[in-house]
């Protein structure tokens, strides 16, 4: 009995350490991925569209798609961001987080793409959630520098002070 208990504790601890190791933190290099957009085109962090650019990446539960729309608006309106030259936005939709049918989610994605101009990728299998250790059932924002080092990460609705911080970080790393 004692051996079984020790074995169970060992398996639990190993699983916990693996979960902890998968948590993306400020200063970590973000693990790459390969995900497709709604048309079937594959993208990764090394795609030509993103090379040499600071990136803001919104990882979104479709049920929370407007949670940080105030941040999207601020990113669109700020004249200090060098869009398509030194900065690029990206959205990733967590398809498993919602009970909505995928065709409804894809229609909402098209609307969001028209508004923001960002590419929005589909994550049907928790690839980003698991490899980056983000939270499920919410919206997360990750800022990566040109070398794909995480410079900022936030889960949930960003308060205005955090929005100002995000803009400042992006502008700082655009010139580094």
Protein backbone atom coordinates (compact mmCIF):
# COMPACT_ATOMS: atom_id res chain seq x y z
CA UNK A 1 0.00 0.00 0.00
CA UNK A 2 2.82 2.33 0.90
CA UNK A 3 4.51 1.72 -2.49
CA UNK A 4 1.28 2.50 -4.32
CA UNK A 5 0.86 5.76 -2.41
CA UNK A 6 4.45 6.77 -3.16
CA UNK A 7 3.99 5.91 -6.86
CA UNK A 8 0.78 7.98 -7.04
CA UNK A 9 2.49 10.95 -5.35
CA UNK A 10 5.45 10.64 -7.75
CA UNK A 11 3.16 10.66 -10.81
CA UNK A 12 1.24 13.64 -9.41
CA UNK A 13 4.42 15.61 -8.73
CA UNK A 14 5.82 14.87 -12.20
CA UNK A 15 2.58 16.03 -13.79
CA UNK A 16 2.57 19.20 -11.71
CA UNK A 17 6.19 19.96 -12.65
CA UNK A 18 5.37 19.51 -16.36
CA UNK A 19 2.44 21.93 -16.07
CA UNK A 20 4.66 24.44 -14.30
CA UNK A 21 7.39 24.05 -16.93
CA UNK A 22 4.88 24.85 -19.70
CA UNK A 23 3.99 28.25 -18.22
CA UNK A 24 5.22 31.07 -20.46
CA UNK A 25 6.68 33.86 -18.35
CA UNK A 26 8.13 37.28 -19.06
CA UNK A 27 11.71 36.70 -20.22
CA UNK A 28 10.99 33.25 -21.72
CA UNK A 29 11.26 32.50 -25.43
CA UNK A 30 7.78 31.61 -26.68
CA UNK A 31 7.46 28.11 -28.10
CA UNK A 32 6.64 28.18 -31.81
CA UNK A 33 3.47 26.68 -33.23
CA UNK A 34 1.77 25.99 -36.51
CA UNK A 35 -1.90 26.95 -36.71
CA UNK A 36 -4.25 27.70 -39.58
CA UNK A 37 -6.54 30.61 -40.25
CA UNK A 38 -10.14 30.17 -41.42
CA UNK A 39 -9.01 29.69 -45.03
CA UNK A 40 -6.58 26.88 -44.19
CA UNK A 41 -3.38 28.93 -44.50
CA UNK A 42 -0.78 27.90 -41.92
CA UNK A 43 1.07 30.45 -39.79
CA UNK A 44 3.76 30.27 -37.12
CA UNK A 45 5.92 32.71 -35.18
CA UNK A 46 8.52 32.31 -37.94
CA UNK A 47 6.11 33.16 -40.77
CA UNK A 48 7.47 35.95 -43.01
CA UNK A 49 4.65 38.29 -41.95
CA UNK A 50 5.99 38.30 -38.40
CA UNK A 51 9.78 38.18 -38.83
CA UNK A 52 11.53 41.16 -37.28
CA UNK A 53 8.33 42.51 -35.74
CA UNK A 54 7.08 42.97 -32.21
CA UNK A 55 3.84 41.03 -31.82
CA UNK A 56 0.73 41.40 -29.71
CA UNK A 57 -1.07 38.08 -29.53
CA UNK A 58 -4.59 37.82 -28.21
CA UNK A 59 -5.52 34.26 -27.24
CA UNK A 60 -9.29 34.31 -26.94
CA UNK A 61 -12.14 32.15 -25.77
CA UNK A 62 -14.87 32.90 -28.38
CA UNK A 63 -17.37 33.52 -25.58
CA UNK A 64 -15.05 36.31 -24.32
CA UNK A 65 -14.18 37.77 -27.75
CA UNK A 66 -14.98 41.35 -26.73
CA UNK A 67 -13.44 41.23 -23.24
CA UNK A 68 -10.40 43.25 -24.36
CA UNK A 69 -11.85 45.13 -27.32
CA UNK A 70 -10.80 48.35 -25.58
CA UNK A 71 -7.19 47.16 -25.94
CA UNK A 72 -7.72 46.38 -29.63
CA UNK A 73 -9.14 49.88 -30.09
CA UNK A 74 -6.15 51.44 -28.34
CA UNK A 75 -3.74 49.45 -30.52
CA UNK A 76 -5.57 50.54 -33.68
CA UNK A 77 -5.68 54.23 -32.72
CA UNK A 78 -2.16 54.72 -31.38
CA UNK A 79 -0.09 56.59 -33.99
CA UNK A 80 3.19 55.50 -32.36
CA UNK A 81 2.85 51.88 -33.45
CA UNK A 82 4.65 51.10 -36.68
CA UNK A 83 2.10 48.63 -38.02
CA UNK A 84 3.31 46.17 -40.65
CA UNK A 85 6.84 47.59 -40.39
CA UNK A 86 7.93 46.88 -36.80
CA UNK A 87 4.71 45.73 -35.16
CA UNK A 88 2.02 43.18 -36.00
CA UNK A 89 -1.07 41.97 -34.18
CA UNK A 90 -2.28 38.38 -34.17
CA UNK A 91 -5.38 36.72 -32.78
CA UNK A 92 -5.74 33.07 -31.84
CA UNK A 93 -9.17 31.61 -31.13
CA UNK A 94 -9.50 28.73 -28.70
CA UNK A 95 -12.15 26.68 -30.53
CA UNK A 96 -12.57 24.13 -27.72
CA UNK A 97 -13.44 26.76 -25.14
CA UNK A 98 -16.90 27.45 -26.57
CA UNK A 99 -20.02 25.43 -27.10
CA UNK A 100 -20.83 27.58 -30.14
CA UNK A 101 -20.61 25.77 -33.47
CA UNK A 102 -17.40 26.46 -35.38
CA UNK A 103 -19.26 28.12 -38.28
CA UNK A 104 -20.64 30.74 -35.85
CA UNK A 105 -17.17 31.33 -34.41
CA UNK A 106 -15.66 31.65 -37.90
CA UNK A 107 -18.29 34.28 -38.82
CA UNK A 108 -17.37 36.28 -35.71
CA UNK A 109 -13.69 35.93 -36.64
CA UNK A 110 -14.31 37.44 -40.08
CA UNK A 111 -15.97 40.45 -38.44
CA UNK A 112 -13.06 40.87 -36.00
CA UNK A 113 -10.52 40.61 -38.84
CA UNK A 114 -12.28 43.38 -40.77
CA UNK A 115 -12.20 45.59 -37.67
CA UNK A 116 -8.59 44.98 -36.61
CA UNK A 117 -6.80 43.88 -39.78
CA UNK A 118 -5.10 41.14 -37.76
CA UNK A 119 -4.74 37.56 -38.85
CA UNK A 120 -6.82 35.32 -36.58
CA UNK A 121 -5.77 31.71 -36.23
CA UNK A 122 -7.79 28.72 -35.05
CA UNK A 123 -6.59 26.58 -32.14
CA UNK A 124 -8.81 23.49 -32.25
CA UNK A 125 -6.69 21.38 -29.89
CA UNK A 126 -5.42 23.65 -27.08
CA UNK A 127 -1.98 23.86 -28.73
CA UNK A 128 -1.24 27.38 -27.45
CA UNK A 129 -3.12 26.90 -24.20
CA UNK A 130 -0.96 23.89 -23.36
CA UNK A 131 2.42 25.00 -24.74
CA UNK A 132 2.20 28.52 -23.32
CA UNK A 133 0.27 27.68 -20.15
CA UNK A 134 -2.45 30.28 -20.71
CA UNK A 135 -5.78 30.25 -18.90
CA UNK A 136 -8.83 28.65 -20.47
CA UNK A 137 -12.21 30.43 -20.68
CA UNK A 138 -10.82 33.96 -20.87
CA UNK A 139 -8.81 36.30 -23.04
CA UNK A 140 -5.03 36.50 -22.71
CA UNK A 141 -2.62 39.02 -24.18
CA UNK A 142 1.02 38.20 -24.85
CA UNK A 143 3.60 40.68 -26.19
CA UNK A 144 6.63 39.15 -27.90
CA UNK A 145 9.70 41.08 -28.99
CA UNK A 146 11.43 40.56 -32.35
CA UNK A 147 13.36 37.58 -30.95
CA UNK A 148 10.10 35.98 -29.65
CA UNK A 149 10.94 36.68 -26.04
CA UNK A 150 7.83 37.27 -23.92
CA UNK A 151 7.84 40.86 -22.68
CA UNK A 152 4.32 40.95 -21.28
CA UNK A 153 1.53 38.52 -20.42
CA UNK A 154 -1.89 39.17 -18.93
CA UNK A 155 -4.92 36.91 -18.44
CA UNK A 156 -8.38 38.45 -18.21
CA UNK A 157 -9.70 41.95 -18.78
CA UNK A 158 -6.95 44.55 -18.87
CA UNK A 159 -7.50 47.67 -16.75
CA UNK A 160 -6.63 51.00 -18.44
CA UNK A 161 -3.28 51.26 -16.64
CA UNK A 162 -2.30 47.93 -18.21
CA UNK A 163 -3.40 49.13 -21.67
CA UNK A 164 -1.03 52.09 -21.33
CA UNK A 165 1.73 49.70 -20.23
CA UNK A 166 1.11 47.45 -23.27
CA UNK A 167 1.42 50.40 -25.65
CA UNK A 168 4.61 51.50 -23.93
CA UNK A 169 6.18 48.02 -24.12
CA UNK A 170 5.37 47.64 -27.82
CA UNK A 171 6.84 51.05 -28.61
CA UNK A 172 9.96 50.29 -26.57
CA UNK A 173 10.65 47.00 -28.36
CA UNK A 174 9.86 48.35 -31.83
CA UNK A 175 13.13 50.27 -31.71
CA UNK A 176 15.29 47.69 -29.94
